[in-house]
PDB file of all heavy atoms in Angstrom:
ATOM      1  N   LEU A   1     -59.864  13.943  58.120  1.00  0.00           N
ATOM      2  CA  LEU A   1     -59.888  13.858  59.577  1.00  0.00           C
ATOM      3  C   LEU A   1     -61.299  13.616  60.105  1.00  0.00           C
ATOM      4  O   LEU A   1     -61.485  12.931  61.119  1.00  0.00           O
ATOM      5  CB  LEU A   1     -59.330  15.141  60.194  1.00  0.00           C
ATOM      6  CG  LEU A   1     -57.852  15.446  59.954  1.00  0.00           C
ATOM      7  CD1 LEU A   1     -57.416  16.626  60.822  1.00  0.00           C
ATOM      8  CD2 LEU A   1     -56.974  14.244  60.233  1.00  0.00           C
ATOM      9  N   GLU A   2     -62.289  14.154  59.426  1.00  0.00           N
ATOM     10  CA  GLU A   2     -63.673  14.017  59.891  1.00  0.00           C
ATOM     11  C   GLU A   2     -64.244  12.629  59.635  1.00  0.00           C
ATOM     12  O   GLU A   2     -64.956  12.069  60.477  1.00  0.00           O
ATOM     13  CB  GLU A   2     -64.551  15.062  59.214  1.00  0.00           C
ATOM     14  CG  GLU A   2     -66.022  14.984  59.628  1.00  0.00           C
ATOM     15  CD  GLU A   2     -66.897  16.008  58.938  1.00  0.00           C
ATOM     16  OE1 GLU A   2     -66.363  16.846  58.171  1.00  0.00           O
ATOM     17  OE2 GLU A   2     -68.129  15.959  59.139  1.00  0.00           O
ATOM     18  N   HIS A   3     -63.927  12.050  58.489  1.00  0.00           N
ATOM     19  CA  HIS A   3     -64.626  10.830  58.072  1.00  0.00           C
ATOM     20  C   HIS A   3     -63.813   9.537  58.229  1.00  0.00           C
ATOM     21  O   HIS A   3     -64.403   8.452  58.270  1.00  0.00           O
ATOM     22  CB  HIS A   3     -65.088  10.964  56.619  1.00  0.00           C
ATOM     23  CG  HIS A   3     -66.159  11.995  56.433  1.00  0.00           C
ATOM     24  ND1 HIS A   3     -67.480  11.754  56.750  1.00  0.00           N
ATOM     25  CD2 HIS A   3     -66.108  13.277  55.986  1.00  0.00           C
ATOM     26  CE1 HIS A   3     -68.196  12.836  56.490  1.00  0.00           C
ATOM     27  NE2 HIS A   3     -67.394  13.774  56.031  1.00  0.00           N
ATOM     28  N   VAL A   4     -62.491   9.624  58.266  1.00  0.00           N
ATOM     29  CA  VAL A   4     -61.685   8.417  58.480  1.00  0.00           C
ATOM     30  C   VAL A   4     -61.471   8.256  59.976  1.00  0.00           C
ATOM     31  O   VAL A   4     -60.951   9.152  60.628  1.00  0.00           O
ATOM     32  CB  VAL A   4     -60.334   8.505  57.752  1.00  0.00           C
ATOM     33  CG1 VAL A   4     -59.459   7.297  58.110  1.00  0.00           C
ATOM     34  CG2 VAL A   4     -60.542   8.577  56.252  1.00  0.00           C
ATOM     35  N   PRO A   5     -61.872   7.129  60.554  1.00  0.00           N
ATOM     36  CA  PRO A   5     -61.718   6.950  61.999  1.00  0.00           C
ATOM     37  C   PRO A   5     -60.268   6.713  62.388  1.00  0.00           C
ATOM     38  O   PRO A   5     -59.465   6.211  61.594  1.00  0.00           O
ATOM     39  CB  PRO A   5     -62.561   5.698  62.285  1.00  0.00           C
ATOM     40  CG  PRO A   5     -62.508   4.925  61.004  1.00  0.00           C
ATOM     41  CD  PRO A   5     -62.489   5.954  59.907  1.00  0.00           C
ATOM     42  N   GLY A   6     -59.936   7.095  63.601  1.00  0.00           N
ATOM     43  CA  GLY A   6     -58.650   6.701  64.135  1.00  0.00           C
ATOM     44  C   GLY A   6     -58.647   5.199  64.361  1.00  0.00           C
ATOM     45  O   GLY A   6     -59.700   4.562  64.449  1.00  0.00           O
ATOM     46  N   PRO A   7     -57.481   4.592  64.459  1.00  0.00           N
ATOM     47  CA  PRO A   7     -57.417   3.141  64.630  1.00  0.00           C
ATOM     48  C   PRO A   7     -58.019   2.686  65.955  1.00  0.00           C
ATOM     49  O   PRO A   7     -57.809   3.326  66.990  1.00  0.00           O
ATOM     50  CB  PRO A   7     -55.923   2.832  64.566  1.00  0.00           C
ATOM     51  CG  PRO A   7     -55.258   4.127  64.901  1.00  0.00           C
ATOM     52  CD  PRO A   7     -56.146   5.207  64.401  1.00  0.00           C
ATOM     53  N   GLU A   8     -58.771   1.600  65.903  1.00  0.00           N
ATOM     54  CA  GLU A   8     -59.311   0.993  67.119  1.00  0.00           C
ATOM     55  C   GLU A   8     -58.245   0.084  67.715  1.00  0.00           C
ATOM     56  O   GLU A   8     -57.766  -0.836  67.043  1.00  0.00           O
ATOM     57  CB  GLU A   8     -60.587   0.214  66.808  1.00  0.00           C
ATOM     58  CG  GLU A   8     -61.324  -0.277  68.040  1.00  0.00           C
ATOM     59  CD  GLU A   8     -62.676  -0.876  67.707  1.00  0.00           C
ATOM     60  OE1 GLU A   8     -62.988  -1.013  66.509  1.00  0.00           O
ATOM     61  OE2 GLU A   8     -63.412  -1.205  68.648  1.00  0.00           O
ATOM     62  N   VAL A   9     -57.869   0.330  68.957  1.00  0.00           N
ATOM     63  CA  VAL A   9     -56.698  -0.333  69.516  1.00  0.00           C
ATOM     64  C   VAL A   9     -56.985  -0.874  70.910  1.00  0.00           C
ATOM     65  O   VAL A   9     -57.923  -0.457  71.584  1.00  0.00           O
ATOM     66  CB  VAL A   9     -55.498   0.647  69.590  1.00  0.00           C
ATOM     67  CG1 VAL A   9     -55.130   1.164  68.216  1.00  0.00           C
ATOM     68  CG2 VAL A   9     -55.789   1.817  70.533  1.00  0.00           C
ATOM     69  N   ASP A  10     -56.146  -1.808  71.298  1.00  0.00           N
ATOM     70  CA  ASP A  10     -56.156  -2.323  72.658  1.00  0.00           C
ATOM     71  C   ASP A  10     -54.722  -2.239  73.163  1.00  0.00           C
ATOM     72  O   ASP A  10     -53.918  -3.149  72.961  1.00  0.00           O
ATOM     73  CB  ASP A  10     -56.673  -3.755  72.692  1.00  0.00           C
ATOM     74  CG  ASP A  10     -56.900  -4.257  74.117  1.00  0.00           C
ATOM     75  OD1 ASP A  10     -56.380  -3.600  75.049  1.00  0.00           O
ATOM     76  OD2 ASP A  10     -57.584  -5.269  74.295  1.00  0.00           O
ATOM     77  N   VAL A  11     -54.400  -1.120  73.778  1.00  0.00           N
ATOM     78  CA  VAL A  11     -53.027  -0.853  74.207  1.00  0.00           C
ATOM     79  C   VAL A  11     -52.594  -1.788  75.320  1.00  0.00           C
ATOM     80  O   VAL A  11     -51.419  -2.141  75.440  1.00  0.00           O
ATOM     81  CB  VAL A  11     -52.896   0.619  74.657  1.00  0.00           C
ATOM     82  CG1 VAL A  11     -51.490   0.909  75.164  1.00  0.00           C
ATOM     83  CG2 VAL A  11     -53.244   1.558  73.503  1.00  0.00           C
ATOM     84  N   ASN A  12     -53.523  -2.239  76.148  1.00  0.00           N
ATOM     85  CA  ASN A  12     -53.181  -3.032  77.324  1.00  0.00           C
ATOM     86  C   ASN A  12     -53.046  -4.524  77.044  1.00  0.00           C
ATOM     87  O   ASN A  12     -52.642  -5.279  77.921  1.00  0.00           O
ATOM     88  CB  ASN A  12     -54.226  -2.804  78.416  1.00  0.00           C
ATOM     89  CG  ASN A  12     -54.255  -1.361  78.892  1.00  0.00           C
ATOM     90  OD1 ASN A  12     -53.215  -0.738  79.046  1.00  0.00           O
ATOM     91  ND2 ASN A  12     -55.451  -0.827  79.099  1.00  0.00           N
ATOM     92  N   SER A  13     -53.402  -4.960  75.848  1.00  0.00           N
ATOM     93  CA  SER A  13     -53.255  -6.379  75.515  1.00  0.00           C
ATOM     94  C   SER A  13     -51.807  -6.684  75.123  1.00  0.00           C
ATOM     95  O   SER A  13     -51.031  -5.776  74.830  1.00  0.00           O
ATOM     96  CB  SER A  13     -54.182  -6.736  74.348  1.00  0.00           C
ATOM     97  OG  SER A  13     -55.522  -6.732  74.766  1.00  0.00           O
ATOM     98  N   PRO A  14     -51.435  -7.965  75.106  1.00  0.00           N
ATOM     99  CA  PRO A  14     -50.090  -8.327  74.659  1.00  0.00           C
ATOM    100  C   PRO A  14     -49.862  -7.912  73.201  1.00  0.00           C
ATOM    101  O   PRO A  14     -50.803  -7.785  72.422  1.00  0.00           O
ATOM    102  CB  PRO A  14     -50.071  -9.855  74.807  1.00  0.00           C
ATOM    103  CG  PRO A  14     -51.133 -10.158  75.814  1.00  0.00           C
ATOM    104  CD  PRO A  14     -52.196  -9.129  75.594  1.00  0.00           C
ATOM    105  N   LEU A  15     -48.615  -7.725  72.852  1.00  0.00           N
ATOM    106  CA  LEU A  15     -48.239  -7.256  71.522  1.00  0.00           C
ATOM    107  C   LEU A  15     -48.727  -8.189  70.414  1.00  0.00           C
ATOM    108  O   LEU A  15     -48.594  -9.409  70.513  1.00  0.00           O
ATOM    109  CB  LEU A  15     -46.716  -7.129  71.432  1.00  0.00           C
ATOM    110  CG  LEU A  15     -46.157  -6.855  70.034  1.00  0.00           C
ATOM    111  CD1 LEU A  15     -46.553  -5.458  69.559  1.00  0.00           C
ATOM    112  CD2 LEU A  15     -44.645  -7.045  70.024  1.00  0.00           C
ATOM    113  N   GLN A  16     -49.270  -7.584  69.363  1.00  0.00           N
ATOM    114  CA  GLN A  16     -49.564  -8.285  68.114  1.00  0.00           C
ATOM    115  C   GLN A  16     -49.275  -7.331  66.959  1.00  0.00           C
ATOM    116  O   GLN A  16     -49.806  -6.219  66.928  1.00  0.00           O
ATOM    117  CB  GLN A  16     -51.030  -8.722  68.035  1.00  0.00           C
ATOM    118  CG  GLN A  16     -51.412  -9.840  68.973  1.00  0.00           C
ATOM    119  CD  GLN A  16     -52.871 -10.236  68.777  1.00  0.00           C
ATOM    120  OE1 GLN A  16     -53.697  -9.412  68.429  1.00  0.00           O
ATOM    121  NE2 GLN A  16     -53.165 -11.487  69.010  1.00  0.00           N
ATOM    122  N   MET A  17     -48.434  -7.748  66.036  1.00  0.00           N
ATOM    123  CA  MET A  17     -48.117  -6.935  64.867  1.00  0.00           C
ATOM    124  C   MET A  17     -48.006  -7.838  63.655  1.00  0.00           C
ATOM    125  O   MET A  17     -47.212  -8.778  63.638  1.00  0.00           O
ATOM    126  CB  MET A  17     -46.806  -6.172  65.079  1.00  0.00           C
ATOM    127  CG  MET A  17     -46.314  -5.421  63.843  1.00  0.00           C
ATOM    128  SD  MET A  17     -44.776  -4.494  64.164  1.00  0.00           S
ATOM    129  CE  MET A  17     -44.173  -4.272  62.482  1.00  0.00           C
ATOM    130  N   LEU A  18     -48.811  -7.563  62.637  1.00  0.00           N
ATOM    131  CA  LEU A  18     -48.794  -8.338  61.393  1.00  0.00           C
ATOM    132  C   LEU A  18     -47.836  -7.687  60.407  1.00  0.00           C
ATOM    133  O   LEU A  18     -47.918  -6.487  60.146  1.00  0.00           O
ATOM    134  CB  LEU A  18     -50.193  -8.406  60.789  1.00  0.00           C
ATOM    135  CG  LEU A  18     -50.303  -9.126  59.439  1.00  0.00           C
ATOM    136  CD1 LEU A  18     -50.012 -10.612  59.611  1.00  0.00           C
ATOM    137  CD2 LEU A  18     -51.695  -8.918  58.844  1.00  0.00           C
ATOM    138  N   VAL A  19     -46.927  -8.481  59.856  1.00  0.00           N
ATOM    139  CA  VAL A  19     -45.948  -7.965  58.896  1.00  0.00           C
ATOM    140  C   VAL A  19     -46.586  -7.894  57.508  1.00  0.00           C
ATOM    141  O   VAL A  19     -46.984  -8.913  56.944  1.00  0.00           O
ATOM    142  CB  VAL A  19     -44.685  -8.853  58.867  1.00  0.00           C
ATOM    143  CG1 VAL A  19     -43.686  -8.332  57.837  1.00  0.00           C
ATOM    144  CG2 VAL A  19     -44.045  -8.911  60.246  1.00  0.00           C
ATOM    145  N   SER A  20     -46.690  -6.686  56.980  1.00  0.00           N
ATOM    146  CA  SER A  20     -47.333  -6.473  55.684  1.00  0.00           C
ATOM    147  C   SER A  20     -46.347  -6.174  54.565  1.00  0.00           C
ATOM    148  O   SER A  20     -46.661  -6.347  53.388  1.00  0.00           O
ATOM    149  CB  SER A  20     -48.344  -5.315  55.773  1.00  0.00           C
ATOM    150  OG  SER A  20     -49.367  -5.607  56.695  1.00  0.00           O
ATOM    151  N   GLN A  21     -45.162  -5.686  54.934  1.00  0.00           N
ATOM    152  CA  GLN A  21     -44.147  -5.363  53.937  1.00  0.00           C
ATOM    153  C   GLN A  21     -42.771  -5.728  54.477  1.00  0.00           C
ATOM    154  O   GLN A  21     -42.562  -5.763  55.688  1.00  0.00           O
ATOM    155  CB  GLN A  21     -44.156  -3.855  53.610  1.00  0.00           C
ATOM    156  CG  GLN A  21     -45.429  -3.337  52.970  1.00  0.00           C
ATOM    157  CD  GLN A  21     -45.433  -1.821  52.958  1.00  0.00           C
ATOM    158  OE1 GLN A  21     -45.874  -1.187  53.903  1.00  0.00           O
ATOM    159  NE2 GLN A  21     -44.939  -1.220  51.899  1.00  0.00           N
ATOM    160  N   ILE A  22     -41.846  -5.981  53.553  1.00  0.00           N
ATOM    161  CA  ILE A  22     -40.455  -6.207  53.921  1.00  0.00           C
ATOM    162  C   ILE A  22     -39.592  -5.233  53.122  1.00  0.00           C
ATOM    163  O   ILE A  22     -39.700  -5.151  51.898  1.00  0.00           O
ATOM    164  CB  ILE A  22     -39.995  -7.649  53.630  1.00  0.00           C
ATOM    165  CG1 ILE A  22     -40.740  -8.645  54.525  1.00  0.00           C
ATOM    166  CG2 ILE A  22     -38.485  -7.776  53.820  1.00  0.00           C
ATOM    167  CD1 ILE A  22     -40.347  -8.609  55.980  1.00  0.00           C
ATOM    168  N   ASP A  23     -38.765  -4.476  53.832  1.00  0.00           N
ATOM    169  CA  ASP A  23     -37.781  -3.621  53.190  1.00  0.00           C
ATOM    170  C   ASP A  23     -36.408  -4.221  53.492  1.00  0.00           C
ATOM    171  O   ASP A  23     -36.292  -5.161  54.290  1.00  0.00           O
ATOM    172  CB  ASP A  23     -37.902  -2.191  53.730  1.00  0.00           C
ATOM    173  CG  ASP A  23     -37.255  -1.166  52.803  1.00  0.00           C
ATOM    174  OD1 ASP A  23     -36.647  -1.582  51.798  1.00  0.00           O
ATOM    175  OD2 ASP A  23     -37.356   0.040  53.096  1.00  0.00           O
ATOM    176  N   TYR A  24     -35.373  -3.682  52.856  1.00  0.00           N
ATOM    177  CA  TYR A  24     -34.031  -4.215  53.102  1.00  0.00           C
ATOM    178  C   TYR A  24     -33.022  -3.087  53.118  1.00  0.00           C
ATOM    179  O   TYR A  24     -33.102  -2.139  52.332  1.00  0.00           O
ATOM    180  CB  TYR A  24     -33.632  -5.234  52.029  1.00  0.00           C
ATOM    181  CG  TYR A  24     -32.274  -5.850  52.286  1.00  0.00           C
ATOM    182  CD1 TYR A  24     -32.125  -6.892  53.189  1.00  0.00           C
ATOM    183  CD2 TYR A  24     -31.139  -5.351  51.646  1.00  0.00           C
ATOM    184  CE1 TYR A  24     -30.872  -7.444  53.450  1.00  0.00           C
ATOM    185  CE2 TYR A  24     -29.887  -5.887  51.902  1.00  0.00           C
ATOM    186  CZ  TYR A  24     -29.763  -6.935  52.811  1.00  0.00           C
ATOM    187  OH  TYR A  24     -28.518  -7.472  53.083  1.00  0.00           O
ATOM    188  N   SER A  25     -32.077  -3.178  54.049  1.00  0.00           N
ATOM    189  CA  SER A  25     -30.963  -2.240  54.126  1.00  0.00           C
ATOM    190  C   SER A  25     -29.675  -3.031  54.211  1.00  0.00           C
ATOM    191  O   SER A  25     -29.596  -4.024  54.928  1.00  0.00           O
ATOM    192  CB  SER A  25     -31.113  -1.346  55.371  1.00  0.00           C
ATOM    193  OG  SER A  25     -29.891  -0.703  55.679  1.00  0.00           O
ATOM    194  N   GLU A  26     -28.674  -2.592  53.476  1.00  0.00           N
ATOM    195  CA  GLU A  26     -27.391  -3.303  53.534  1.00  0.00           C
ATOM    196  C   GLU A  26     -26.721  -3.128  54.885  1.00  0.00           C
ATOM    197  O   GLU A  26     -25.781  -3.855  55.222  1.00  0.00           O
ATOM    198  CB  GLU A  26     -26.469  -2.799  52.423  1.00  0.00           C
ATOM    199  CG  GLU A  26     -26.127  -1.334  52.512  1.00  0.00           C
ATOM    200  CD  GLU A  26     -25.258  -0.891  51.342  1.00  0.00           C
ATOM    201  OE1 GLU A  26     -25.624  -1.158  50.186  1.00  0.00           O
ATOM    202  OE2 GLU A  26     -24.213  -0.268  51.623  1.00  0.00           O
ATOM    203  N   TYR A  27     -27.217  -2.182  55.680  1.00  0.00           N
ATOM    204  CA  TYR A  27     -26.623  -1.938  57.000  1.00  0.00           C
ATOM    205  C   TYR A  27     -27.297  -2.757  58.092  1.00  0.00           C
ATOM    206  O   TYR A  27     -26.628  -3.260  59.002  1.00  0.00           O
ATOM    207  CB  TYR A  27     -26.708  -0.452  57.344  1.00  0.00           C
ATOM    208  CG  TYR A  27     -26.002   0.437  56.341  1.00  0.00           C
ATOM    209  CD1 TYR A  27     -26.720   1.179  55.425  1.00  0.00           C
ATOM    210  CD2 TYR A  27     -24.608   0.510  56.310  1.00  0.00           C
ATOM    211  CE1 TYR A  27     -26.070   1.991  54.500  1.00  0.00           C
ATOM    212  CE2 TYR A  27     -23.952   1.305  55.392  1.00  0.00           C
ATOM    213  CZ  TYR A  27     -24.690   2.044  54.481  1.00  0.00           C
ATOM    214  OH  TYR A  27     -24.046   2.825  53.569  1.00  0.00           O
ATOM    215  N   VAL A  28     -28.628  -2.877  58.043  1.00  0.00           N
ATOM    216  CA  VAL A  28     -29.338  -3.566  59.131  1.00  0.00           C
ATOM    217  C   VAL A  28     -30.081  -4.812  58.662  1.00  0.00           C
ATOM    218  O   VAL A  28     -30.699  -5.511  59.470  1.00  0.00           O
ATOM    219  CB  VAL A  28     -30.338  -2.610  59.830  1.00  0.00           C
ATOM    220  CG1 VAL A  28     -29.597  -1.447  60.464  1.00  0.00           C
ATOM    221  CG2 VAL A  28     -31.407  -2.107  58.862  1.00  0.00           C
ATOM    222  N   GLY A  29     -30.036  -5.124  57.368  1.00  0.00           N
ATOM    223  CA  GLY A  29     -30.700  -6.317  56.871  1.00  0.00           C
ATOM    224  C   GLY A  29     -32.185  -6.099  56.620  1.00  0.00           C
ATOM    225  O   GLY A  29     -32.616  -5.011  56.219  1.00  0.00           O
ATOM    226  N   ARG A  30     -32.966  -7.131  56.898  1.00  0.00           N
ATOM    227  CA  ARG A  30     -34.392  -7.088  56.608  1.00  0.00           C
ATOM    228  C   ARG A  30     -35.118  -6.181  57.605  1.00  0.00           C
ATOM    229  O   ARG A  30     -34.815  -6.179  58.796  1.00  0.00           O
ATOM    230  CB  ARG A  30     -34.995  -8.502  56.646  1.00  0.00           C
ATOM    231  CG  ARG A  30     -34.441  -9.398  55.550  1.00  0.00           C
ATOM    232  CD  ARG A  30     -34.844 -10.836  55.751  1.00  0.00           C
ATOM    233  NE  ARG A  30     -36.223 -11.084  55.376  1.00  0.00           N
ATOM    234  CZ  ARG A  30     -36.645 -11.276  54.129  1.00  0.00           C
ATOM    235  NH1 ARG A  30     -35.797 -11.214  53.121  1.00  0.00           N
ATOM    236  NH2 ARG A  30     -37.908 -11.533  53.873  1.00  0.00           N
ATOM    237  N   ILE A  31     -36.077  -5.434  57.081  1.00  0.00           N
ATOM    238  CA  ILE A  31     -36.865  -4.511  57.892  1.00  0.00           C
ATOM    239  C   ILE A  31     -38.334  -4.896  57.731  1.00  0.00           C
ATOM    240  O   ILE A  31     -38.884  -4.856  56.630  1.00  0.00           O
ATOM    241  CB  ILE A  31     -36.657  -3.050  57.445  1.00  0.00           C
ATOM    242  CG1 ILE A  31     -35.171  -2.686  57.486  1.00  0.00           C
ATOM    243  CG2 ILE A  31     -37.469  -2.107  58.324  1.00  0.00           C
ATOM    244  CD1 ILE A  31     -34.863  -1.337  56.834  1.00  0.00           C
ATOM    245  N   ALA A  32     -38.947  -5.306  58.830  1.00  0.00           N
ATOM    246  CA  ALA A  32     -40.351  -5.726  58.807  1.00  0.00           C
ATOM    247  C   ALA A  32     -41.240  -4.516  59.066  1.00  0.00           C
ATOM    248  O   ALA A  32     -41.051  -3.795  60.046  1.00  0.00           O
ATOM    249  CB  ALA A  32     -40.603  -6.800  59.862  1.00  0.00           C
ATOM    250  N   ILE A  33     -42.232  -4.310  58.209  1.00  0.00           N
ATOM    251  CA  ILE A  33     -43.126  -3.160  58.322  1.00  0.00           C
ATOM    252  C   ILE A  33     -44.558  -3.666  58.492  1.00  0.00           C
ATOM    253  O   ILE A  33     -45.000  -4.568  57.783  1.00  0.00           O
ATOM    254  CB  ILE A  33     -43.035  -2.271  57.069  1.00  0.00           C
ATOM    255  CG1 ILE A  33     -41.601  -1.748  56.898  1.00  0.00           C
ATOM    256  CG2 ILE A  33     -44.023  -1.101  57.155  1.00  0.00           C
ATOM    257  CD1 ILE A  33     -41.360  -1.058  55.572  1.00  0.00           C
ATOM    258  N   GLY A  34     -45.254  -3.096  59.438  1.00  0.00           N
ATOM    259  CA  GLY A  34     -46.641  -3.508  59.635  1.00  0.00           C
ATOM    260  C   GLY A  34     -47.322  -2.620  60.662  1.00  0.00           C
ATOM    261  O   GLY A  34     -46.702  -1.750  61.279  1.00  0.00           O
ATOM    262  N   ARG A  35     -48.604  -2.852  60.813  1.00  0.00           N
ATOM    263  CA  ARG A  35     -49.382  -2.093  61.793  1.00  0.00           C
ATOM    264  C   ARG A  35     -49.461  -2.883  63.091  1.00  0.00           C
ATOM    265  O   ARG A  35     -49.709  -4.091  63.089  1.00  0.00           O
ATOM    266  CB  ARG A  35     -50.780  -1.842  61.240  1.00  0.00           C
ATOM    267  CG  ARG A  35     -51.729  -1.226  62.247  1.00  0.00           C
ATOM    268  CD  ARG A  35     -52.984  -0.771  61.562  1.00  0.00           C
ATOM    269  NE  ARG A  35     -54.096  -0.630  62.484  1.00  0.00           N
ATOM    270  CZ  ARG A  35     -55.267  -0.129  62.155  1.00  0.00           C
ATOM    271  NH1 ARG A  35     -55.487   0.258  60.915  1.00  0.00           N
ATOM    272  NH2 ARG A  35     -56.237  -0.029  63.034  1.00  0.00           N
TER     273      ARG A  35
END
């Protein structure tokens, strides 16, 4: 908690999310995971 910074963010800007992983569920299909 002391040495790792919290994420630097811009909450008021338009949405941007990079997909880093793909999971899959037989119920909902592909699941995109990212920050």
